[in-house]
C-alpha atoms as a PDB file:
ATOM      1  CA  MET A   1       0.061  -0.039  -0.045  1.00  0.00           C
ATOM      2  CA  ALA A   2       1.477   3.464  -0.831  1.00  0.00           C
ATOM      3  CA  SER A   3       2.246   6.105   1.366  1.00  0.00           C
ATOM      4  CA  LEU A   4       2.340   9.759   0.577  1.00  0.00           C
ATOM      5  CA  TYR A   5       6.012  10.052   2.304  1.00  0.00           C
ATOM      6  CA  GLU A   6       7.370   7.721  -0.291  1.00  0.00           C
ATOM      7  CA  VAL A   7       6.410  10.383  -3.193  1.00  0.00           C
ATOM      8  CA  THR A   8       9.117  12.834  -4.519  1.00  0.00           C
ATOM      9  CA  ARG A   9       8.124  16.502  -4.813  1.00  0.00           C
ATOM     10  CA  GLU A  10       8.051  16.223  -8.776  1.00  0.00           C
ATOM     11  CA  GLU A  11       5.651  13.306  -8.173  1.00  0.00           C
ATOM     12  CA  LEU A  12       3.637  15.360  -5.664  1.00  0.00           C
ATOM     13  CA  SER A  13       3.321  17.883  -8.288  1.00  0.00           C
ATOM     14  CA  GLU A  14       1.913  15.083 -10.891  1.00  0.00           C
ATOM     15  CA  LEU A  15      -0.548  13.888  -8.180  1.00  0.00           C
ATOM     16  CA  LEU A  16      -1.915  17.744  -7.418  1.00  0.00           C
ATOM     17  CA  VAL A  17      -2.293  18.621 -11.235  1.00  0.00           C
ATOM     18  CA  GLY A  18      -5.422  21.123 -11.776  1.00  0.00           C
ATOM     19  CA  GLU A  19      -4.744  22.300  -8.068  1.00  0.00           C
ATOM     20  CA  PRO A  20      -3.005  25.901  -7.607  1.00  0.00           C
ATOM     21  CA  ARG A  21       0.760  25.569  -7.780  1.00  0.00           C
ATOM     22  CA  TYR A  22       1.567  26.546  -4.242  1.00  0.00           C
ATOM     23  CA  ARG A  23      -0.427  23.608  -2.936  1.00  0.00           C
ATOM     24  CA  VAL A  24       2.616  21.510  -3.417  1.00  0.00           C
ATOM     25  CA  ASP A  25       4.239  23.903  -1.233  1.00  0.00           C
ATOM     26  CA  GLN A  26       1.475  23.962   1.617  1.00  0.00           C
ATOM     27  CA  VAL A  27       1.349  19.900   1.508  1.00  0.00           C
ATOM     28  CA  TRP A  28       5.018  19.380   1.267  1.00  0.00           C
ATOM     29  CA  HIS A  29       5.769  22.098   4.087  1.00  0.00           C
ATOM     30  CA  GLY A  30       2.884  20.146   6.445  1.00  0.00           C
ATOM     31  CA  LEU A  31       4.460  16.481   5.659  1.00  0.00           C
ATOM     32  CA  TRP A  32       7.799  17.215   5.925  1.00  0.00           C
ATOM     33  CA  ASN A  33       8.545  20.403   7.558  1.00  0.00           C
ATOM     34  CA  THR A  34       6.036  20.901  10.043  1.00  0.00           C
ATOM     35  CA  ASN A  35       5.260  17.329  10.420  1.00  0.00           C
ATOM     36  CA  GLU A  36       1.156  17.382  10.536  1.00  0.00           C
ATOM     37  CA  PRO A  37      -0.946  14.470  10.206  1.00  0.00           C
ATOM     38  CA  LEU A  38      -2.077  14.827   6.605  1.00  0.00           C
ATOM     39  CA  GLU A  39      -5.763  15.267   7.923  1.00  0.00           C
ATOM     40  CA  GLU A  40      -4.672  18.081  10.227  1.00  0.00           C
ATOM     41  CA  ILE A  41      -2.802  20.009   7.248  1.00  0.00           C
ATOM     42  CA  THR A  42      -5.294  22.899   7.744  1.00  0.00           C
ATOM     43  CA  THR A  43      -3.745  25.243   4.799  1.00  0.00           C
ATOM     44  CA  ILE A  44      -5.204  23.157   2.346  1.00  0.00           C
ATOM     45  CA  PRO A  45      -8.864  22.440   1.484  1.00  0.00           C
ATOM     46  CA  LYS A  46     -10.958  19.735   3.527  1.00  0.00           C
ATOM     47  CA  THR A  47     -11.763  18.295   0.378  1.00  0.00           C
ATOM     48  CA  LEU A  48      -8.034  17.700  -0.750  1.00  0.00           C
ATOM     49  CA  ARG A  49      -6.957  16.138   2.495  1.00  0.00           C
ATOM     50  CA  ALA A  50      -9.756  13.915   2.332  1.00  0.00           C
ATOM     51  CA  SER A  51      -9.100  12.634  -0.919  1.00  0.00           C
ATOM     52  CA  LEU A  52      -5.398  12.447  -0.391  1.00  0.00           C
ATOM     53  CA  ALA A  53      -6.048  10.552   2.893  1.00  0.00           C
ATOM     54  CA  GLN A  54      -8.178   8.161   0.752  1.00  0.00           C
ATOM     55  CA  ARG A  55      -5.426   7.342  -1.473  1.00  0.00           C
ATOM     56  CA  PHE A  56      -2.514   7.536   0.638  1.00  0.00           C
ATOM     57  CA  PRO A  57      -4.024   6.261   4.077  1.00  0.00           C
ATOM     58  CA  ASN A  58      -1.874   5.971   7.336  1.00  0.00           C
ATOM     59  CA  ALA A  59       0.497   3.056   7.293  1.00  0.00           C
ATOM     60  CA  LEU A  60       0.737   2.629  11.031  1.00  0.00           C
ATOM     61  CA  ARG A  61      -2.116   1.909  13.965  1.00  0.00           C
ATOM     62  CA  VAL A  62      -1.283   2.245  17.088  1.00  0.00           C
ATOM     63  CA  VAL A  63      -2.426  -1.026  19.240  1.00  0.00           C
ATOM     64  CA  GLU A  64      -0.282  -0.641  22.422  1.00  0.00           C
ATOM     65  CA  ASP A  65       1.291   2.334  24.035  1.00  0.00           C
ATOM     66  CA  VAL A  66       3.356   1.966  26.822  1.00  0.00           C
ATOM     67  CA  ALA A  67       6.029   4.024  29.061  1.00  0.00           C
ATOM     68  CA  SER A  68       8.175   3.559  31.841  1.00  0.00           C
ATOM     69  CA  ASP A  69      11.348   5.701  33.009  1.00  0.00           C
ATOM     70  CA  ARG A  70       8.968   8.092  34.351  1.00  0.00           C
ATOM     71  CA  GLY A  71       7.548   8.829  30.692  1.00  0.00           C
ATOM     72  CA  ALA A  72      11.146   8.933  29.582  1.00  0.00           C
ATOM     73  CA  THR A  73      10.697   5.989  27.449  1.00  0.00           C
ATOM     74  CA  ARG A  74       7.901   5.065  25.011  1.00  0.00           C
ATOM     75  CA  LYS A  75       7.059   1.875  23.056  1.00  0.00           C
ATOM     76  CA  TRP A  76       4.643   1.477  20.479  1.00  0.00           C
ATOM     77  CA  VAL A  77       3.092  -1.429  18.990  1.00  0.00           C
ATOM     78  CA  LEU A  78       2.163  -0.502  15.502  1.00  0.00           C
ATOM     79  CA  GLU A  79      -0.108  -2.502  13.420  1.00  0.00           C
ATOM     80  CA  LEU A  80       0.686  -2.287   9.431  1.00  0.00           C
ATOM     81  CA  HIS A  81      -1.811  -2.982   6.494  1.00  0.00           C
ATOM     82  CA  ASP A  82      -1.706  -6.569   6.273  1.00  0.00           C
ATOM     83  CA  GLY A  83      -1.612  -7.161  10.216  1.00  0.00           C
ATOM     84  CA  SER A  84       1.899  -7.493  10.695  1.00  0.00           C
ATOM     85  CA  THR A  85       3.345  -5.643  13.888  1.00  0.00           C
ATOM     86  CA  ILE A  86       6.293  -3.768  14.540  1.00  0.00           C
ATOM     87  CA  GLU A  87       7.666  -1.778  17.658  1.00  0.00           C
ATOM     88  CA  THR A  88       8.873   1.762  18.019  1.00  0.00           C
ATOM     89  CA  VAL A  89      10.741   3.470  20.855  1.00  0.00           C
ATOM     90  CA  LEU A  90      11.102   7.168  22.001  1.00  0.00           C
ATOM     91  CA  MET A  91      13.655   7.782  24.302  1.00  0.00           C
ATOM     92  CA  LEU A  92      13.936  11.381  25.865  1.00  0.00           C
ATOM     93  CA  TYR A  93      17.207  12.842  27.273  1.00  0.00           C
ATOM     94  CA  GLU A  94      17.904  15.853  28.667  1.00  0.00           C
ATOM     95  CA  ASP A  95      20.197  16.812  25.823  1.00  0.00           C
ATOM     96  CA  ARG A  96      18.268  14.758  22.622  1.00  0.00           C
ATOM     97  CA  ALA A  97      15.220  12.937  21.730  1.00  0.00           C
ATOM     98  CA  THR A  98      15.936   9.446  19.938  1.00  0.00           C
ATOM     99  CA  VAL A  99      13.494   7.107  18.389  1.00  0.00           C
ATOM    100  CA  CYS A 100      14.519   3.421  17.718  1.00  0.00           C
ATOM    101  CA  VAL A 101      13.209   2.369  14.332  1.00  0.00           C
ATOM    102  CA  SER A 102      12.167  -1.193  13.003  1.00  0.00           C
ATOM    103  CA  SER A 103      13.316  -1.768   9.424  1.00  0.00           C
ATOM    104  CA  GLN A 104      11.266  -5.292   9.013  1.00  0.00           C
ATOM    105  CA  ALA A 105       8.553  -7.085  10.485  1.00  0.00           C
ATOM    106  CA  GLY A 106      10.652  -9.601  12.677  1.00  0.00           C
ATOM    107  CA  CYS A 107      13.892 -10.324  11.909  1.00  0.00           C
ATOM    108  CA  ALA A 108      16.122 -13.705  10.018  1.00  0.00           C
ATOM    109  CA  MET A 109      19.386 -13.295  11.365  1.00  0.00           C
ATOM    110  CA  GLY A 110      18.224 -15.366  14.163  1.00  0.00           C
ATOM    111  CA  CYS A 111      20.625 -14.113  16.933  1.00  0.00           C
ATOM    112  CA  THR A 112      20.056 -16.582  19.695  1.00  0.00           C
ATOM    113  CA  PHE A 113      19.605 -13.429  22.684  1.00  0.00           C
ATOM    114  CA  CYS A 114      17.278 -11.533  20.918  1.00  0.00           C
ATOM    115  CA  ALA A 115      13.435 -11.731  21.008  1.00  0.00           C
ATOM    116  CA  THR A 116      13.161 -10.557  17.550  1.00  0.00           C
ATOM    117  CA  GLY A 117      15.026 -13.268  16.298  1.00  0.00           C
ATOM    118  CA  GLN A 118      13.470 -15.512  18.425  1.00  0.00           C
ATOM    119  CA  ALA A 119       9.997 -14.301  16.756  1.00  0.00           C
ATOM    120  CA  GLY A 120      11.243 -15.172  13.358  1.00  0.00           C
ATOM    121  CA  PHE A 121      10.825 -12.771  10.396  1.00  0.00           C
ATOM    122  CA  SER A 122       7.489 -11.583   8.461  1.00  0.00           C
ATOM    123  CA  ARG A 123       8.357  -9.479   5.952  1.00  0.00           C
ATOM    124  CA  GLN A 124      10.186  -6.458   4.709  1.00  0.00           C
ATOM    125  CA  LEU A 125       9.189  -2.856   5.730  1.00  0.00           C
ATOM    126  CA  SER A 126       8.590  -0.115   2.892  1.00  0.00           C
ATOM    127  CA  VAL A 127       9.915   3.471   2.948  1.00  0.00           C
ATOM    128  CA  GLY A 128       6.928   4.952   4.109  1.00  0.00           C
ATOM    129  CA  GLU A 129       6.487   2.730   7.037  1.00  0.00           C
ATOM    130  CA  VAL A 130       9.969   3.219   8.373  1.00  0.00           C
ATOM    131  CA  VAL A 131       9.436   7.149   7.577  1.00  0.00           C
ATOM    132  CA  GLU A 132       6.284   7.257   9.543  1.00  0.00           C
ATOM    133  CA  GLN A 133       7.437   5.673  12.442  1.00  0.00           C
ATOM    134  CA  VAL A 134      10.134   8.460  12.895  1.00  0.00           C
ATOM    135  CA  LEU A 135       7.512  11.206  12.133  1.00  0.00           C
ATOM    136  CA  PHE A 136       5.172   9.635  14.634  1.00  0.00           C
ATOM    137  CA  ALA A 137       7.658   9.746  17.268  1.00  0.00           C
ATOM    138  CA  ALA A 138       8.840  13.511  16.530  1.00  0.00           C
ATOM    139  CA  ARG A 139       5.562  14.253  17.239  1.00  0.00           C
ATOM    140  CA  ALA A 140       5.232  12.741  20.267  1.00  0.00           C
ATOM    141  CA  ALA A 141       8.497  13.989  21.403  1.00  0.00           C
ATOM    142  CA  THR A 142       7.226  17.805  20.936  1.00  0.00           C
ATOM    143  CA  PRO A 143       7.752  20.108  22.183  1.00  0.00           C
ATOM    144  CA  ARG A 144      11.514  18.749  21.881  1.00  0.00           C
ATOM    145  CA  ARG A 145      12.909  18.213  18.767  1.00  0.00           C
ATOM    146  CA  LEU A 146      13.575  14.742  17.387  1.00  0.00           C
ATOM    147  CA  SER A 147      17.333  15.140  17.092  1.00  0.00           C
ATOM    148  CA  ASN A 148      18.342  11.038  16.310  1.00  0.00           C
ATOM    149  CA  VAL A 149      17.366   8.118  14.488  1.00  0.00           C
ATOM    150  CA  VAL A 150      18.708   4.656  15.453  1.00  0.00           C
ATOM    151  CA  PHE A 151      18.051   1.850  13.336  1.00  0.00           C
ATOM    152  CA  MET A 152      17.950  -0.612  16.166  1.00  0.00           C
ATOM    153  CA  GLY A 153      14.451  -1.639  16.292  1.00  0.00           C
ATOM    154  CA  MET A 154      12.652  -4.975  14.876  1.00  0.00           C
ATOM    155  CA  GLY A 155      14.866  -6.563  11.858  1.00  0.00           C
ATOM    156  CA  GLU A 156      18.546  -6.140  10.094  1.00  0.00           C
ATOM    157  CA  PRO A 157      18.373  -2.909   8.270  1.00  0.00           C
ATOM    158  CA  LEU A 158      21.174  -4.006   5.979  1.00  0.00           C
ATOM    159  CA  ALA A 159      19.138  -6.873   4.909  1.00  0.00           C
ATOM    160  CA  ASN A 160      16.184  -4.504   3.609  1.00  0.00           C
ATOM    161  CA  TYR A 161      19.006  -2.432   2.053  1.00  0.00           C
ATOM    162  CA  SER A 162      17.447  -0.090  -0.631  1.00  0.00           C
ATOM    163  CA  VAL A 163      14.841   0.867   2.109  1.00  0.00           C
ATOM    164  CA  THR A 164      17.275   1.865   4.367  1.00  0.00           C
ATOM    165  CA  VAL A 165      19.220   3.750   2.190  1.00  0.00           C
ATOM    166  CA  GLU A 166      16.522   5.748   0.745  1.00  0.00           C
ATOM    167  CA  VAL A 167      14.854   6.538   4.005  1.00  0.00           C
ATOM    168  CA  LEU A 168      18.532   7.847   5.170  1.00  0.00           C
ATOM    169  CA  ARG A 169      18.442   9.847   2.263  1.00  0.00           C
ATOM    170  CA  ARG A 170      15.000  11.730   2.672  1.00  0.00           C
ATOM    171  CA  LEU A 171      15.526  12.383   6.358  1.00  0.00           C
ATOM    172  CA  GLN A 172      18.611  14.207   5.358  1.00  0.00           C
ATOM    173  CA  ARG A 173      16.860  15.867   2.239  1.00  0.00           C
ATOM    174  CA  TYR A 174      13.515  16.211   3.569  1.00  0.00           C
ATOM    175  CA  ARG A 175      13.509  16.517   7.528  1.00  0.00           C
ATOM    176  CA  GLY A 176      17.118  18.416   7.836  1.00  0.00           C
ATOM    177  CA  LEU A 177      18.309  15.685  10.181  1.00  0.00           C
ATOM    178  CA  SER A 178      22.393  15.558  10.232  1.00  0.00           C
ATOM    179  CA  ALA A 179      23.645  12.048   8.878  1.00  0.00           C
ATOM    180  CA  ARG A 180      25.878  11.965  12.004  1.00  0.00           C
ATOM    181  CA  HIS A 181      22.597  11.973  13.941  1.00  0.00           C
ATOM    182  CA  LEU A 182      21.714   8.757  11.979  1.00  0.00           C
ATOM    183  CA  THR A 183      22.905   5.290  13.326  1.00  0.00           C
ATOM    184  CA  VAL A 184      22.316   2.207  11.301  1.00  0.00           C
ATOM    185  CA  SER A 185      22.934  -1.432  13.208  1.00  0.00           C
ATOM    186  CA  THR A 186      23.830  -4.372  11.786  1.00  0.00           C
ATOM    187  CA  VAL A 187      24.877  -7.702  13.044  1.00  0.00           C
ATOM    188  CA  GLY A 188      27.679  -7.935  10.042  1.00  0.00           C
ATOM    189  CA  VAL A 189      26.374  -8.266   6.498  1.00  0.00           C
ATOM    190  CA  ALA A 190      29.829  -7.353   5.417  1.00  0.00           C
ATOM    191  CA  PRO A 191      29.039  -6.828   1.595  1.00  0.00           C
ATOM    192  CA  SER A 192      26.410  -4.154   2.430  1.00  0.00           C
ATOM    193  CA  ILE A 193      28.579  -2.576   4.754  1.00  0.00           C
ATOM    194  CA  GLU A 194      30.958  -2.009   2.216  1.00  0.00           C
ATOM    195  CA  ARG A 195      28.461  -0.843  -0.239  1.00  0.00           C
ATOM    196  CA  LEU A 196      27.080   1.628   2.577  1.00  0.00           C
ATOM    197  CA  ALA A 197      30.144   2.826   3.150  1.00  0.00           C
ATOM    198  CA  ARG A 198      29.946   4.251  -0.864  1.00  0.00           C
ATOM    199  CA  GLU A 199      26.717   5.893  -0.599  1.00  0.00           C
ATOM    200  CA  GLY A 200      27.823   9.069   0.498  1.00  0.00           C
ATOM    201  CA  LEU A 201      25.919   8.929   3.673  1.00  0.00           C
ATOM    202  CA  PRO A 202      28.209   9.732   6.827  1.00  0.00           C
ATOM    203  CA  VAL A 203      26.101   8.069   8.964  1.00  0.00           C
ATOM    204  CA  THR A 204      26.925   6.158  12.161  1.00  0.00           C
ATOM    205  CA  LEU A 205      27.702   2.343  11.744  1.00  0.00           C
ATOM    206  CA  ALA A 206      26.793   0.233  15.052  1.00  0.00           C
ATOM    207  CA  VAL A 207      28.049  -3.444  14.471  1.00  0.00           C
ATOM    208  CA  SER A 208      26.379  -5.874  16.810  1.00  0.00           C
ATOM    209  CA  LEU A 209      29.863  -8.044  17.548  1.00  0.00           C
ATOM    210  CA  HIS A 210      29.122  -9.653  20.932  1.00  0.00           C
ATOM    211  CA  ALA A 211      32.080 -12.264  20.459  1.00  0.00           C
ATOM    212  CA  ALA A 212      35.501 -11.797  18.604  1.00  0.00           C
ATOM    213  CA  ASN A 213      36.109 -15.536  18.302  1.00  0.00           C
ATOM    214  CA  ASP A 214      34.694 -17.342  15.524  1.00  0.00           C
ATOM    215  CA  GLU A 215      33.213 -20.000  17.537  1.00  0.00           C
ATOM    216  CA  THR A 216      31.297 -18.343  20.140  1.00  0.00           C
ATOM    217  CA  ARG A 217      30.005 -15.520  18.026  1.00  0.00           C
ATOM    218  CA  SER A 218      28.764 -18.177  15.374  1.00  0.00           C
ATOM    219  CA  GLU A 219      26.722 -19.292  18.409  1.00  0.00           C
ATOM    220  CA  LEU A 220      25.254 -16.037  18.982  1.00  0.00           C
ATOM    221  CA  VAL A 221      24.882 -14.517  15.648  1.00  0.00           C
ATOM    222  CA  PRO A 222      24.475 -17.215  13.145  1.00  0.00           C
ATOM    223  CA  LEU A 223      25.286 -15.034  10.418  1.00  0.00           C
ATOM    224  CA  ASN A 224      28.846 -15.218  11.452  1.00  0.00           C
ATOM    225  CA  ARG A 225      28.980 -18.439   9.689  1.00  0.00           C
ATOM    226  CA  ARG A 226      28.553 -16.807   6.386  1.00  0.00           C
ATOM    227  CA  TYR A 227      30.762 -13.573   7.248  1.00  0.00           C
ATOM    228  CA  PRO A 228      32.947 -14.772   9.762  1.00  0.00           C
ATOM    229  CA  LEU A 229      35.221 -11.998  11.705  1.00  0.00           C
ATOM    230  CA  ALA A 230      38.210 -11.572   9.126  1.00  0.00           C
ATOM    231  CA  ARG A 231      35.616 -11.026   6.520  1.00  0.00           C
ATOM    232  CA  LEU A 232      34.015  -8.519   8.670  1.00  0.00           C
ATOM    233  CA  ARG A 233      36.962  -6.901   9.715  1.00  0.00           C
ATOM    234  CA  ASP A 234      37.566  -6.322   6.099  1.00  0.00           C
ATOM    235  CA  ALA A 235      34.345  -4.387   5.653  1.00  0.00           C
ATOM    236  CA  CYS A 236      34.820  -2.507   8.791  1.00  0.00           C
ATOM    237  CA  VAL A 237      38.363  -1.570   7.154  1.00  0.00           C
ATOM    238  CA  VAL A 238      36.681  -0.227   3.840  1.00  0.00           C
ATOM    239  CA  TRP A 239      34.250   1.411   6.324  1.00  0.00           C
ATOM    240  CA  ASN A 240      36.533   3.595   8.139  1.00  0.00           C
ATOM    241  CA  GLU A 241      38.679   4.306   5.048  1.00  0.00           C
ATOM    242  CA  THR A 242      35.534   5.201   2.899  1.00  0.00           C
ATOM    243  CA  THR A 243      34.000   7.271   5.211  1.00  0.00           C
ATOM    244  CA  LYS A 244      36.478   8.646   7.547  1.00  0.00           C
ATOM    245  CA  ARG A 245      33.618   7.909  10.254  1.00  0.00           C
ATOM    246  CA  ARG A 246      34.610   5.990  13.484  1.00  0.00           C
ATOM    247  CA  LEU A 247      32.311   2.681  13.978  1.00  0.00           C
ATOM    248  CA  SER A 248      31.172   1.161  17.250  1.00  0.00           C
ATOM    249  CA  PHE A 249      30.907  -2.216  18.270  1.00  0.00           C
ATOM    250  CA  GLU A 250      27.641  -3.443  20.475  1.00  0.00           C
ATOM    251  CA  TRP A 251      28.748  -6.088  22.888  1.00  0.00           C
ATOM    252  CA  ALA A 252      25.890  -7.559  25.123  1.00  0.00           C
ATOM    253  CA  LEU A 253      27.374  -8.849  27.971  1.00  0.00           C
ATOM    254  CA  ILE A 254      26.220 -12.752  29.065  1.00  0.00           C
ATOM    255  CA  ASP A 255      27.017 -14.416  32.331  1.00  0.00           C
ATOM    256  CA  GLY A 256      30.193 -16.876  31.432  1.00  0.00           C
ATOM    257  CA  VAL A 257      29.806 -16.453  27.547  1.00  0.00           C
ATOM    258  CA  ASN A 258      31.417 -12.948  26.897  1.00  0.00           C
ATOM    259  CA  ASP A 259      32.351 -11.330  29.973  1.00  0.00           C
ATOM    260  CA  THR A 260      35.407 -12.755  30.582  1.00  0.00           C
ATOM    261  CA  PRO A 261      39.101 -12.022  30.839  1.00  0.00           C
ATOM    262  CA  ARG A 262      39.738 -13.439  27.821  1.00  0.00           C
ATOM    263  CA  ALA A 263      36.714 -12.453  25.921  1.00  0.00           C
ATOM    264  CA  ALA A 264      38.032  -8.652  26.987  1.00  0.00           C
ATOM    265  CA  GLN A 265      41.421  -9.350  25.392  1.00  0.00           C
ATOM    266  CA  GLU A 266      39.950 -10.766  22.136  1.00  0.00           C
ATOM    267  CA  LEU A 267      37.593  -7.616  21.793  1.00  0.00           C
ATOM    268  CA  ALA A 268      40.426  -5.288  22.771  1.00  0.00           C
ATOM    269  CA  ASP A 269      42.612  -7.271  19.639  1.00  0.00           C
ATOM    270  CA  TYR A 270      39.634  -6.634  17.321  1.00  0.00           C
ATOM    271  CA  ALA A 271      38.588  -3.357  17.897  1.00  0.00           C
ATOM    272  CA  LEU A 272      41.789  -1.614  18.495  1.00  0.00           C
ATOM    273  CA  GLY A 273      43.005  -2.492  14.973  1.00  0.00           C
ATOM    274  CA  LEU A 274      39.712  -0.642  13.528  1.00  0.00           C
ATOM    275  CA  SER A 275      39.822   2.282  15.812  1.00  0.00           C
ATOM    276  CA  ALA A 276      36.495   1.385  17.157  1.00  0.00           C
ATOM    277  CA  HIS A 277      34.318   2.561  19.830  1.00  0.00           C
ATOM    278  CA  VAL A 278      32.837  -0.468  22.198  1.00  0.00           C
ATOM    279  CA  ASN A 279      29.725   0.112  23.709  1.00  0.00           C
ATOM    280  CA  LEU A 280      28.866  -2.989  26.460  1.00  0.00           C
ATOM    281  CA  ILE A 281      25.244  -3.490  26.649  1.00  0.00           C
ATOM    282  CA  PRO A 282      24.018  -5.575  29.863  1.00  0.00           C
ATOM    283  CA  LEU A 283      22.045  -8.237  28.405  1.00  0.00           C
ATOM    284  CA  ASN A 284      18.033  -7.685  28.477  1.00  0.00           C
ATOM    285  CA  PRO A 285      16.130 -10.529  29.798  1.00  0.00           C
ATOM    286  CA  THR A 286      14.014 -12.196  26.952  1.00  0.00           C
ATOM    287  CA  PRO A 287      11.717 -15.398  27.442  1.00  0.00           C
ATOM    288  CA  GLY A 288      13.310 -17.326  24.823  1.00  0.00           C
ATOM    289  CA  TYR A 289      16.833 -17.276  25.934  1.00  0.00           C
ATOM    290  CA  LEU A 290      17.726 -18.840  29.036  1.00  0.00           C
ATOM    291  CA  VAL A 291      21.246 -17.486  30.155  1.00  0.00           C
ATOM    292  CA  LEU A 292      21.309 -14.596  32.353  1.00  0.00           C
ATOM    293  CA  GLY A 293      23.096 -10.977  31.500  1.00  0.00           C
ATOM    294  CA  SER A 294      26.315  -9.897  33.396  1.00  0.00           C
ATOM    295  CA  SER A 295      26.046  -9.075  36.716  1.00  0.00           C
ATOM    296  CA  PRO A 296      26.821  -5.195  37.743  1.00  0.00           C
ATOM    297  CA  GLU A 297      30.116  -6.479  39.006  1.00  0.00           C
ATOM    298  CA  ARG A 298      31.002  -7.846  35.910  1.00  0.00           C
ATOM    299  CA  VAL A 299      29.828  -5.304  34.009  1.00  0.00           C
ATOM    300  CA  ARG A 300      32.379  -2.965  35.528  1.00  0.00           C
ATOM    301  CA  ALA A 301      35.050  -5.176  35.631  1.00  0.00           C
ATOM    302  CA  PHE A 302      34.925  -5.900  32.043  1.00  0.00           C
ATOM    303  CA  ARG A 303      34.852  -2.285  31.387  1.00  0.00           C
ATOM    304  CA  ASP A 304      37.782  -1.570  33.493  1.00  0.00           C
ATOM    305  CA  GLN A 305      39.661  -4.327  31.481  1.00  0.00           C
ATOM    306  CA  LEU A 306      39.072  -2.577  28.529  1.00  0.00           C
ATOM    307  CA  ILE A 307      40.339   0.676  29.546  1.00  0.00           C
ATOM    308  CA  ALA A 308      43.197  -0.719  30.704  1.00  0.00           C
ATOM    309  CA  LEU A 309      43.798  -2.490  27.421  1.00  0.00           C
ATOM    310  CA  GLY A 310      43.228   1.003  25.739  1.00  0.00           C
ATOM    311  CA  VAL A 311      39.975   0.715  24.483  1.00  0.00           C
ATOM    312  CA  ASN A 312      37.421   3.594  23.962  1.00  0.00           C
ATOM    313  CA  VAL A 313      34.337   1.968  25.840  1.00  0.00           C
ATOM    314  CA  THR A 314      31.081   3.117  27.513  1.00  0.00           C
ATOM    315  CA  VAL A 315      28.340   1.113  28.971  1.00  0.00           C
ATOM    316  CA  ARG A 316      25.081   1.666  27.713  1.00  0.00           C
ATOM    317  CA  GLN A 317      22.069   3.053  29.854  1.00  0.00           C
ATOM    318  CA  THR A 318      19.237   0.583  29.961  1.00  0.00           C
ATOM    319  CA  ARG A 319      16.326   2.234  29.079  1.00  0.00           C
ATOM    320  CA  GLY A 320      12.210   0.681  28.920  1.00  0.00           C
ATOM    321  CA  ARG A 321      13.569  -2.661  30.157  1.00  0.00           C
ATOM    322  CA  SER A 322      10.209  -3.093  32.115  1.00  0.00           C
ATOM    323  CA  ILE A 323       7.945  -2.600  29.029  1.00  0.00           C
ATOM    324  CA  ALA A 324      10.176  -4.886  26.973  1.00  0.00           C
ATOM    325  CA  ALA A 325      11.608  -2.048  25.140  1.00  0.00           C
ATOM    326  CA  ALA A 326      15.683  -2.155  25.785  1.00  0.00           C
ATOM    327  CA  CYS A 327      17.834  -3.689  23.239  1.00  0.00           C
ATOM    328  CA  GLY A 328      17.290  -7.067  22.019  1.00  0.00           C
ATOM    329  CA  GLN A 329      13.783  -7.246  23.635  1.00  0.00           C
ATOM    330  CA  LEU A 330      11.523  -6.242  20.466  1.00  0.00           C
ATOM    331  CA  ALA A 331       9.298  -8.532  19.859  1.00  0.00           C
ATOM    332  CA  SER A 332       5.769 -10.234  20.181  1.00  0.00           C
ATOM    333  CA  VAL A 333       6.142 -12.799  23.282  1.00  0.00           C
ATOM    334  CA  ALA A 334       3.657 -14.890  22.134  1.00  0.00           C
ATOM    335  CA  LYS A 335       5.308 -15.463  18.990  1.00  0.00           C
ATOM    336  CA  ALA A 336       8.883 -16.117  20.644  1.00  0.00           C
ATOM    337  CA  ARG A 337      10.057 -19.579  20.838  1.00  0.00           C
ATOM    338  CA  ARG A 338      11.610 -20.759  23.898  1.00  0.00           C
ATOM    339  CA  THR A 339      15.300 -22.201  23.598  1.00  0.00           C
ATOM    340  CA  SER A 340      17.444 -23.739  26.099  1.00  0.00           C
ATOM    341  CA  VAL A 341      20.833 -22.474  25.070  1.00  0.00           C
ATOM    342  CA  ARG A 342      23.418 -23.057  27.599  1.00  0.00           C
ATOM    343  CA  LEU A 343      26.507 -21.126  25.904  1.00  0.00           C
ATOM    344  CA  ARG A 344      30.364 -20.990  27.655  1.00  0.00           C
ATOM    345  CA  GLU A 345      32.950 -19.528  26.415  1.00  0.00           C
ATOM    346  CA  ARG A 346      35.227 -21.727  24.310  1.00  0.00           C
END
């Protein structure tokens, strides 16, 4: 189903043939600049609003709206036109407002500790379905300006490559968001990392690493069997050399699996060669993964060892855990498949 947010300005002009020429400016300004729902763009006649709304209905319908962190974190379960559901998370901070968007309904990557991966893959999202998540969250963030968009929701953004790139371009061109405030997260689709590096989009790249030896990483991230660490490193080198942008590695800390001194040394060896920033994420609980996240003490010890080894590292502040909105928790719990994985570091 088409979305008005997939229409270019030139295509909008063709749609409005017969209307005064200034109508194009009014509609475009309402959609992208003032970010008004189509039915609320009062600078255009009601009849025109109605006809456009009938042809281009909203892509998203809210079926659940929950908040935590005293309202600073808000999650929506959104239904698409075919009944598929996705989740979008808005996080408010003192200095910024960030939306975490989904790029797919479900995910085919199958990462063992991720609720989305446990639930399986439904379909790709369209450009309009992703853009509407951003603009919906921007309205909810008012009076704050939405400053950051992260592709860290449901799905692997680089497995929906053309849509992800088109959304990034539209957010830059039409919403005026700096590419440096746009983050794409990937589990390591190496050829697509190299392709993205050449798009001329200096976005932030976050690679979900989680282990720096192939045996452990292949258990956590099955895609590693196709693009092992050496191949991923080659892609990261291309990223660094082409974009001149520092990449980051995401590392979900799992008790006894990747929070040991050996794991820290392996991570340091891998990250330092790429001048990468490391973002530690205490593992968030999911119903289908029976391994525990690292204790606060282990998180601190792991961080301190990385610092001692010369790695630039931070620990991500956990947001939205109580409403299953934290990293790795986005999925319909009813669809999750329980597993009894008992991993230990090799």
